[in-house]
Amino acid sequence: MSPRVPFRRWLAASLIAVSLAAQSSAAAVGVVPNAVVPASVDSVAPAAVALTAGLASLARRPAVAVPSVHPSAARTVPKPATPKPTPKPAVAKPVAKPKPPSAATAFHGRNHVWIPALGINRSISFFPCSRSRPPDNYVYRWGCAGRNNVYLLGHAYSVFKPLHDAYVRGRLHKGMLVVYADGNGRVRSYRVSYWKVVSPVGADWAWAAQSRPSMTLQTCLGAQSQWRLIVRLVAV
């Protein structure tokens, strides 16, 4: 301070300079002081001191960072994964059991007989009702039988031996299958219904006509072939 300038005037000038500097700083940060600097030095001094202290306090506050709103800085929230539908377990389809072949598909021919359970697979010859000569070693269809009665006969020691042995050994049973092909190639199945052992005399019932399609098998029994085994079957 120059000795030529009174202290009071120097102080007033210094306060005015400080006040102007404070106003410039406040305008820079967007603060517009509401107070108007008084002309009087006495009233200016306290206001300038308070303003100076306020600016000093503002300068000491730490800077607060403003959150960025830039899209790249925004937090990405992952979308929940869409659950995939659980596949239904495959249901196994039931396998249809194959049907046994019918007589028409498994057997074919003309004038033929099959008894699968006994291993008989023979051609058939015709035996006229008027024939007096004994049968040869064949399976015959007898011409004396009535309607609906396919009458087959054969020797017990040869062509119908399996039938003879089945009866003797207890292997003949109801329901046994016999398949027959007539002279036109029509194939039909029959099953055993019952059997009898009878005398050759008085067996007219065996070759009589039947009310439903039937079959009769005949062979001999006994040491002297003195009996007849008659097996009756019905069509199925």
C-alpha atoms as a PDB file:
ATOM      1  CA  MET A   1       0.000   0.000   0.000  1.00  0.00           C
ATOM      2  CA  SER A   2       1.353   3.384  -0.954  1.00  0.00           C
ATOM      3  CA  PRO A   3       1.624   5.772   1.964  1.00  0.00           C
ATOM      4  CA  ARG A   4       0.011   8.406  -0.155  1.00  0.00           C
ATOM      5  CA  VAL A   5      -3.349   6.514  -0.506  1.00  0.00           C
ATOM      6  CA  PRO A   6      -5.508   6.534   2.642  1.00  0.00           C
ATOM      7  CA  PHE A   7      -6.282   3.058   3.970  1.00  0.00           C
ATOM      8  CA  ARG A   8     -10.016   3.482   3.765  1.00  0.00           C
ATOM      9  CA  ARG A   9      -9.927   4.347   0.075  1.00  0.00           C
ATOM     10  CA  TRP A  10      -7.572   1.464  -0.661  1.00  0.00           C
ATOM     11  CA  LEU A  11      -9.825  -0.964   1.153  1.00  0.00           C
ATOM     12  CA  ALA A  12     -12.887   0.208  -0.758  1.00  0.00           C
ATOM     13  CA  ALA A  13     -11.104  -0.151  -4.062  1.00  0.00           C
ATOM     14  CA  SER A  14      -9.932  -3.647  -3.130  1.00  0.00           C
ATOM     15  CA  LEU A  15     -13.435  -4.767  -2.157  1.00  0.00           C
ATOM     16  CA  ILE A  16     -14.885  -3.420  -5.393  1.00  0.00           C
ATOM     17  CA  ALA A  17     -12.287  -5.386  -7.355  1.00  0.00           C
ATOM     18  CA  VAL A  18     -13.068  -8.522  -5.394  1.00  0.00           C
ATOM     19  CA  SER A  19     -16.797  -8.045  -5.944  1.00  0.00           C
ATOM     20  CA  LEU A  20     -16.333  -7.647  -9.688  1.00  0.00           C
ATOM     21  CA  ALA A  21     -14.187 -10.781  -9.795  1.00  0.00           C
ATOM     22  CA  ALA A  22     -16.850 -12.681  -7.864  1.00  0.00           C
ATOM     23  CA  GLN A  23     -19.578 -11.544 -10.250  1.00  0.00           C
ATOM     24  CA  SER A  24     -17.488 -12.695 -13.215  1.00  0.00           C
ATOM     25  CA  SER A  25     -16.991 -16.137 -11.601  1.00  0.00           C
ATOM     26  CA  ALA A  26     -20.661 -16.486 -10.749  1.00  0.00           C
ATOM     27  CA  ALA A  27     -21.691 -15.646 -14.297  1.00  0.00           C
ATOM     28  CA  ALA A  28     -19.286 -18.315 -15.574  1.00  0.00           C
ATOM     29  CA  VAL A  29     -21.039 -21.051 -13.523  1.00  0.00           C
ATOM     30  CA  GLY A  30     -24.547 -19.777 -14.184  1.00  0.00           C
ATOM     31  CA  VAL A  31     -25.055 -18.041 -10.824  1.00  0.00           C
ATOM     32  CA  VAL A  32     -26.580 -14.609 -11.122  1.00  0.00           C
ATOM     33  CA  PRO A  33     -26.289 -12.710  -7.839  1.00  0.00           C
ATOM     34  CA  ASN A  34     -29.489 -11.010  -6.808  1.00  0.00           C
ATOM     35  CA  ALA A  35     -27.776  -8.336  -4.741  1.00  0.00           C
ATOM     36  CA  VAL A  36     -26.693  -5.130  -6.391  1.00  0.00           C
ATOM     37  CA  VAL A  37     -23.306  -3.871  -5.238  1.00  0.00           C
ATOM     38  CA  PRO A  38     -24.015  -0.808  -3.063  1.00  0.00           C
ATOM     39  CA  ALA A  39     -22.244   2.447  -3.723  1.00  0.00           C
ATOM     40  CA  SER A  40     -21.313   2.751  -0.128  1.00  0.00           C
ATOM     41  CA  VAL A  41     -18.055   1.195   0.864  1.00  0.00           C
ATOM     42  CA  ASP A  42     -19.428   0.343   4.316  1.00  0.00           C
ATOM     43  CA  SER A  43     -22.313  -1.694   2.862  1.00  0.00           C
ATOM     44  CA  VAL A  44     -20.174  -3.232   0.140  1.00  0.00           C
ATOM     45  CA  ALA A  45     -17.564  -4.680   2.400  1.00  0.00           C
ATOM     46  CA  PRO A  46     -19.747  -7.216   4.294  1.00  0.00           C
ATOM     47  CA  ALA A  47     -21.478  -8.373   1.104  1.00  0.00           C
ATOM     48  CA  ALA A  48     -18.219  -8.804  -0.709  1.00  0.00           C
ATOM     49  CA  VAL A  49     -16.763 -10.801   2.157  1.00  0.00           C
ATOM     50  CA  ALA A  50     -19.824 -13.104   2.254  1.00  0.00           C
ATOM     51  CA  LEU A  51     -19.755 -13.579  -1.502  1.00  0.00           C
ATOM     52  CA  THR A  52     -16.050 -14.344  -1.424  1.00  0.00           C
ATOM     53  CA  ALA A  53     -16.591 -16.953   1.297  1.00  0.00           C
ATOM     54  CA  GLY A  54     -19.466 -18.535  -0.676  1.00  0.00           C
ATOM     55  CA  LEU A  55     -17.416 -18.791  -3.832  1.00  0.00           C
ATOM     56  CA  ALA A  56     -14.575 -20.342  -1.900  1.00  0.00           C
ATOM     57  CA  SER A  57     -16.968 -22.950  -0.435  1.00  0.00           C
ATOM     58  CA  LEU A  58     -18.396 -23.704  -3.885  1.00  0.00           C
ATOM     59  CA  ALA A  59     -14.912 -24.183  -5.265  1.00  0.00           C
ATOM     60  CA  ARG A  60     -14.113 -26.716  -2.519  1.00  0.00           C
ATOM     61  CA  ARG A  61     -17.118 -29.005  -3.352  1.00  0.00           C
ATOM     62  CA  PRO A  62     -16.191 -32.148  -5.301  1.00  0.00           C
ATOM     63  CA  ALA A  63     -17.404 -32.373  -8.891  1.00  0.00           C
ATOM     64  CA  VAL A  64     -20.366 -34.757  -9.388  1.00  0.00           C
ATOM     65  CA  ALA A  65     -20.249 -36.807 -12.533  1.00  0.00           C
ATOM     66  CA  VAL A  66     -23.446 -36.752 -14.570  1.00  0.00           C
ATOM     67  CA  PRO A  67     -24.581 -40.284 -15.656  1.00  0.00           C
ATOM     68  CA  SER A  68     -24.097 -40.831 -19.335  1.00  0.00           C
ATOM     69  CA  VAL A  69     -27.241 -41.516 -21.395  1.00  0.00           C
ATOM     70  CA  HIS A  70     -25.386 -42.516 -24.517  1.00  0.00           C
ATOM     71  CA  PRO A  71     -26.987 -45.663 -25.975  1.00  0.00           C
ATOM     72  CA  SER A  72     -23.704 -47.524 -26.001  1.00  0.00           C
ATOM     73  CA  ALA A  73     -23.289 -46.935 -22.319  1.00  0.00           C
ATOM     74  CA  ALA A  74     -26.812 -48.072 -21.392  1.00  0.00           C
ATOM     75  CA  ARG A  75     -27.006 -51.337 -19.551  1.00  0.00           C
ATOM     76  CA  THR A  76     -28.208 -54.179 -21.754  1.00  0.00           C
ATOM     77  CA  VAL A  77     -30.745 -56.398 -20.018  1.00  0.00           C
ATOM     78  CA  PRO A  78     -30.702 -59.860 -21.615  1.00  0.00           C
ATOM     79  CA  LYS A  79     -34.069 -61.177 -22.724  1.00  0.00           C
ATOM     80  CA  PRO A  80     -35.159 -64.356 -20.971  1.00  0.00           C
ATOM     81  CA  ALA A  81     -34.671 -67.428 -23.130  1.00  0.00           C
ATOM     82  CA  THR A  82     -37.889 -68.838 -24.496  1.00  0.00           C
ATOM     83  CA  PRO A  83     -38.173 -72.427 -23.249  1.00  0.00           C
ATOM     84  CA  LYS A  84     -38.354 -74.968 -26.036  1.00  0.00           C
ATOM     85  CA  PRO A  85     -41.375 -77.249 -25.936  1.00  0.00           C
ATOM     86  CA  THR A  86     -40.616 -80.671 -24.537  1.00  0.00           C
ATOM     87  CA  PRO A  87     -41.085 -83.242 -27.303  1.00  0.00           C
ATOM     88  CA  LYS A  88     -43.719 -85.824 -26.556  1.00  0.00           C
ATOM     89  CA  PRO A  89     -42.370 -89.340 -26.170  1.00  0.00           C
ATOM     90  CA  ALA A  90     -43.004 -91.523 -29.147  1.00  0.00           C
ATOM     91  CA  VAL A  91     -45.729 -94.016 -28.551  1.00  0.00           C
ATOM     92  CA  ALA A  92     -44.968 -97.372 -30.028  1.00  0.00           C
ATOM     93  CA  LYS A  93     -47.741 -98.640 -32.143  1.00  0.00           C
ATOM     94  CA  PRO A  94     -48.856-102.141 -31.397  1.00  0.00           C
ATOM     95  CA  VAL A  95     -47.642-104.627 -33.933  1.00  0.00           C
ATOM     96  CA  ALA A  96     -50.482-106.590 -35.387  1.00  0.00           C
ATOM     97  CA  LYS A  97     -50.017-110.317 -35.108  1.00  0.00           C
ATOM     98  CA  PRO A  98     -49.999-111.996 -38.504  1.00  0.00           C
ATOM     99  CA  LYS A  99     -53.113-113.969 -39.194  1.00  0.00           C
ATOM    100  CA  PRO A 100     -52.635-117.643 -39.999  1.00  0.00           C
ATOM    101  CA  PRO A 101     -53.050-118.303 -43.691  1.00  0.00           C
ATOM    102  CA  SER A 102     -56.453-119.543 -44.767  1.00  0.00           C
ATOM    103  CA  ALA A 103     -56.883-122.898 -46.420  1.00  0.00           C
ATOM    104  CA  ALA A 104     -57.413-121.174 -49.763  1.00  0.00           C
ATOM    105  CA  THR A 105     -53.981-119.476 -49.631  1.00  0.00           C
ATOM    106  CA  ALA A 106     -51.909-122.141 -47.823  1.00  0.00           C
ATOM    107  CA  PHE A 107     -53.250-125.121 -49.799  1.00  0.00           C
ATOM    108  CA  HIS A 108     -54.135-125.441 -53.452  1.00  0.00           C
ATOM    109  CA  GLY A 109     -54.684-128.272 -55.893  1.00  0.00           C
ATOM    110  CA  ARG A 110     -57.327-130.643 -57.212  1.00  0.00           C
ATOM    111  CA  ASN A 111     -58.556-133.898 -55.654  1.00  0.00           C
ATOM    112  CA  HIS A 112     -56.165-133.644 -52.728  1.00  0.00           C
ATOM    113  CA  VAL A 113     -56.248-134.022 -48.941  1.00  0.00           C
ATOM    114  CA  TRP A 114     -53.972-132.604 -46.232  1.00  0.00           C
ATOM    115  CA  ILE A 115     -53.898-133.492 -42.529  1.00  0.00           C
ATOM    116  CA  PRO A 116     -51.018-131.283 -41.320  1.00  0.00           C
ATOM    117  CA  ALA A 117     -50.919-132.652 -37.765  1.00  0.00           C
ATOM    118  CA  LEU A 118     -50.428-136.203 -39.076  1.00  0.00           C
ATOM    119  CA  GLY A 119     -48.189-135.413 -42.035  1.00  0.00           C
ATOM    120  CA  ILE A 120     -50.743-136.653 -44.563  1.00  0.00           C
ATOM    121  CA  ASN A 121     -50.481-135.018 -47.997  1.00  0.00           C
ATOM    122  CA  ARG A 122     -52.152-137.238 -50.561  1.00  0.00           C
ATOM    123  CA  SER A 123     -53.884-137.107 -53.927  1.00  0.00           C
ATOM    124  CA  ILE A 124     -57.376-138.612 -54.126  1.00  0.00           C
ATOM    125  CA  SER A 125     -58.766-141.149 -56.555  1.00  0.00           C
ATOM    126  CA  PHE A 126     -62.442-141.847 -57.133  1.00  0.00           C
ATOM    127  CA  PHE A 127     -64.016-145.129 -55.942  1.00  0.00           C
ATOM    128  CA  PRO A 128     -67.365-145.695 -57.721  1.00  0.00           C
ATOM    129  CA  CYS A 129     -70.284-147.013 -55.698  1.00  0.00           C
ATOM    130  CA  SER A 130     -70.668-149.850 -58.222  1.00  0.00           C
ATOM    131  CA  ARG A 131     -67.075-151.112 -57.840  1.00  0.00           C
ATOM    132  CA  SER A 132     -66.741-154.601 -56.352  1.00  0.00           C
ATOM    133  CA  ARG A 133     -62.950-154.927 -56.442  1.00  0.00           C
ATOM    134  CA  PRO A 134     -61.174-154.057 -53.178  1.00  0.00           C
ATOM    135  CA  PRO A 135     -59.411-150.654 -52.930  1.00  0.00           C
ATOM    136  CA  ASP A 136     -55.798-150.341 -53.977  1.00  0.00           C
ATOM    137  CA  ASN A 137     -53.084-148.416 -52.130  1.00  0.00           C
ATOM    138  CA  TYR A 138     -54.689-144.982 -52.599  1.00  0.00           C
ATOM    139  CA  VAL A 139     -56.848-142.522 -50.763  1.00  0.00           C
ATOM    140  CA  TYR A 140     -60.309-142.820 -52.328  1.00  0.00           C
ATOM    141  CA  ARG A 141     -63.407-140.720 -52.341  1.00  0.00           C
ATOM    142  CA  TRP A 142     -66.304-143.171 -52.148  1.00  0.00           C
ATOM    143  CA  GLY A 143     -69.177-142.541 -54.515  1.00  0.00           C
ATOM    144  CA  CYS A 144     -71.823-144.149 -52.260  1.00  0.00           C
ATOM    145  CA  ALA A 145     -71.810-141.280 -49.703  1.00  0.00           C
ATOM    146  CA  GLY A 146     -74.813-138.983 -49.508  1.00  0.00           C
ATOM    147  CA  ARG A 147     -75.074-135.206 -49.936  1.00  0.00           C
ATOM    148  CA  ASN A 148     -72.800-132.964 -47.850  1.00  0.00           C
ATOM    149  CA  ASN A 149     -70.590-135.931 -46.970  1.00  0.00           C
ATOM    150  CA  VAL A 150     -67.091-136.116 -48.466  1.00  0.00           C
ATOM    151  CA  TYR A 151     -66.248-139.740 -47.712  1.00  0.00           C
ATOM    152  CA  LEU A 152     -62.524-140.648 -47.855  1.00  0.00           C
ATOM    153  CA  LEU A 153     -61.137-144.128 -47.177  1.00  0.00           C
ATOM    154  CA  GLY A 154     -57.677-145.769 -47.244  1.00  0.00           C
ATOM    155  CA  HIS A 155     -55.685-148.691 -45.903  1.00  0.00           C
ATOM    156  CA  ALA A 156     -54.407-148.604 -42.336  1.00  0.00           C
ATOM    157  CA  TYR A 157     -51.031-150.105 -43.276  1.00  0.00           C
ATOM    158  CA  SER A 158     -50.242-147.464 -45.968  1.00  0.00           C
ATOM    159  CA  VAL A 159     -51.925-144.196 -46.992  1.00  0.00           C
ATOM    160  CA  PHE A 160     -53.977-143.822 -43.776  1.00  0.00           C
ATOM    161  CA  LYS A 161     -51.440-145.411 -41.410  1.00  0.00           C
ATOM    162  CA  PRO A 162     -50.835-142.014 -39.662  1.00  0.00           C
ATOM    163  CA  LEU A 163     -54.583-141.811 -38.933  1.00  0.00           C
ATOM    164  CA  HIS A 164     -54.605-145.379 -37.568  1.00  0.00           C
ATOM    165  CA  ASP A 165     -51.546-144.736 -35.389  1.00  0.00           C
ATOM    166  CA  ALA A 166     -52.935-141.437 -34.073  1.00  0.00           C
ATOM    167  CA  TYR A 167     -56.016-143.244 -32.759  1.00  0.00           C
ATOM    168  CA  VAL A 168     -54.035-146.136 -31.261  1.00  0.00           C
ATOM    169  CA  ARG A 169     -51.540-143.797 -29.532  1.00  0.00           C
ATOM    170  CA  GLY A 170     -54.153-141.353 -28.314  1.00  0.00           C
ATOM    171  CA  ARG A 171     -53.063-138.480 -30.566  1.00  0.00           C
ATOM    172  CA  LEU A 172     -56.358-138.141 -32.411  1.00  0.00           C
ATOM    173  CA  HIS A 173     -58.298-135.221 -30.983  1.00  0.00           C
ATOM    174  CA  LYS A 174     -61.287-133.026 -31.625  1.00  0.00           C
ATOM    175  CA  GLY A 175     -60.603-129.926 -33.689  1.00  0.00           C
ATOM    176  CA  MET A 176     -57.811-131.523 -35.744  1.00  0.00           C
ATOM    177  CA  LEU A 177     -57.615-129.800 -39.133  1.00  0.00           C
ATOM    178  CA  VAL A 178     -58.184-131.536 -42.463  1.00  0.00           C
ATOM    179  CA  VAL A 179     -58.043-129.606 -45.765  1.00  0.00           C
ATOM    180  CA  TYR A 180     -59.649-130.911 -48.937  1.00  0.00           C
ATOM    181  CA  ALA A 181     -59.450-129.721 -52.574  1.00  0.00           C
ATOM    182  CA  ASP A 182     -62.196-131.030 -54.845  1.00  0.00           C
ATOM    183  CA  GLY A 183     -62.041-131.715 -58.600  1.00  0.00           C
ATOM    184  CA  ASN A 184     -62.674-128.036 -59.391  1.00  0.00           C
ATOM    185  CA  GLY A 185     -59.827-126.811 -57.194  1.00  0.00           C
ATOM    186  CA  ARG A 186     -62.147-125.497 -54.470  1.00  0.00           C
ATOM    187  CA  VAL A 187     -60.348-125.767 -51.131  1.00  0.00           C
ATOM    188  CA  ARG A 188     -62.265-126.237 -47.889  1.00  0.00           C
ATOM    189  CA  SER A 189     -61.241-126.824 -44.279  1.00  0.00           C
ATOM    190  CA  TYR A 190     -62.804-129.345 -41.883  1.00  0.00           C
ATOM    191  CA  ARG A 191     -62.219-130.126 -38.215  1.00  0.00           C
ATOM    192  CA  VAL A 192     -62.672-133.376 -36.330  1.00  0.00           C
ATOM    193  CA  SER A 193     -65.960-133.535 -34.427  1.00  0.00           C
ATOM    194  CA  TYR A 194     -65.971-137.147 -33.109  1.00  0.00           C
ATOM    195  CA  TRP A 195     -64.988-140.743 -34.015  1.00  0.00           C
ATOM    196  CA  LYS A 196     -66.268-144.274 -33.529  1.00  0.00           C
ATOM    197  CA  VAL A 197     -64.955-147.839 -33.929  1.00  0.00           C
ATOM    198  CA  VAL A 198     -67.667-150.000 -35.501  1.00  0.00           C
ATOM    199  CA  SER A 199     -68.293-153.275 -37.345  1.00  0.00           C
ATOM    200  CA  PRO A 200     -68.346-153.118 -41.137  1.00  0.00           C
ATOM    201  CA  VAL A 201     -71.908-154.353 -41.012  1.00  0.00           C
ATOM    202  CA  GLY A 202     -74.646-151.876 -40.194  1.00  0.00           C
ATOM    203  CA  ALA A 203     -72.563-148.675 -40.551  1.00  0.00           C
ATOM    204  CA  ASP A 204     -74.989-147.027 -42.965  1.00  0.00           C
ATOM    205  CA  TRP A 205     -75.087-143.871 -40.798  1.00  0.00           C
ATOM    206  CA  ALA A 206     -71.388-143.235 -41.656  1.00  0.00           C
ATOM    207  CA  TRP A 207     -71.992-142.562 -45.367  1.00  0.00           C
ATOM    208  CA  ALA A 208     -75.470-141.109 -45.031  1.00  0.00           C
ATOM    209  CA  ALA A 209     -76.260-137.550 -46.203  1.00  0.00           C
ATOM    210  CA  GLN A 210     -75.569-134.732 -43.711  1.00  0.00           C
ATOM    211  CA  SER A 211     -77.461-131.551 -42.934  1.00  0.00           C
ATOM    212  CA  ARG A 212     -74.285-129.436 -43.130  1.00  0.00           C
ATOM    213  CA  PRO A 213     -71.048-129.761 -45.133  1.00  0.00           C
ATOM    214  CA  SER A 214     -69.149-132.629 -43.536  1.00  0.00           C
ATOM    215  CA  MET A 215     -66.378-135.145 -44.114  1.00  0.00           C
ATOM    216  CA  THR A 216     -65.925-138.766 -43.082  1.00  0.00           C
ATOM    217  CA  LEU A 217     -62.598-140.631 -42.840  1.00  0.00           C
ATOM    218  CA  GLN A 218     -62.481-144.440 -42.754  1.00  0.00           C
ATOM    219  CA  THR A 219     -59.655-146.907 -42.124  1.00  0.00           C
ATOM    220  CA  CYS A 220     -59.279-150.337 -40.564  1.00  0.00           C
ATOM    221  CA  LEU A 221     -58.472-151.496 -37.010  1.00  0.00           C
ATOM    222  CA  GLY A 222     -57.643-154.840 -35.463  1.00  0.00           C
ATOM    223  CA  ALA A 223     -55.182-157.623 -36.136  1.00  0.00           C
ATOM    224  CA  GLN A 224     -57.383-158.932 -38.934  1.00  0.00           C
ATOM    225  CA  SER A 225     -58.695-155.477 -39.978  1.00  0.00           C
ATOM    226  CA  GLN A 226     -62.040-156.562 -38.611  1.00  0.00           C
ATOM    227  CA  TRP A 227     -63.071-153.135 -37.314  1.00  0.00           C
ATOM    228  CA  ARG A 228     -63.580-149.794 -38.914  1.00  0.00           C
ATOM    229  CA  LEU A 229     -62.417-146.456 -37.515  1.00  0.00           C
ATOM    230  CA  ILE A 230     -64.963-143.801 -38.574  1.00  0.00           C
ATOM    231  CA  VAL A 231     -63.948-140.161 -38.034  1.00  0.00           C
ATOM    232  CA  ARG A 232     -66.561-137.439 -38.573  1.00  0.00           C
ATOM    233  CA  LEU A 233     -65.568-133.826 -39.379  1.00  0.00           C
ATOM    234  CA  VAL A 234     -67.550-130.635 -40.087  1.00  0.00           C
ATOM    235  CA  ALA A 235     -66.658-127.759 -42.405  1.00  0.00           C
ATOM    236  CA  VAL A 236     -65.343-124.507 -40.906  1.00  0.00           C
END
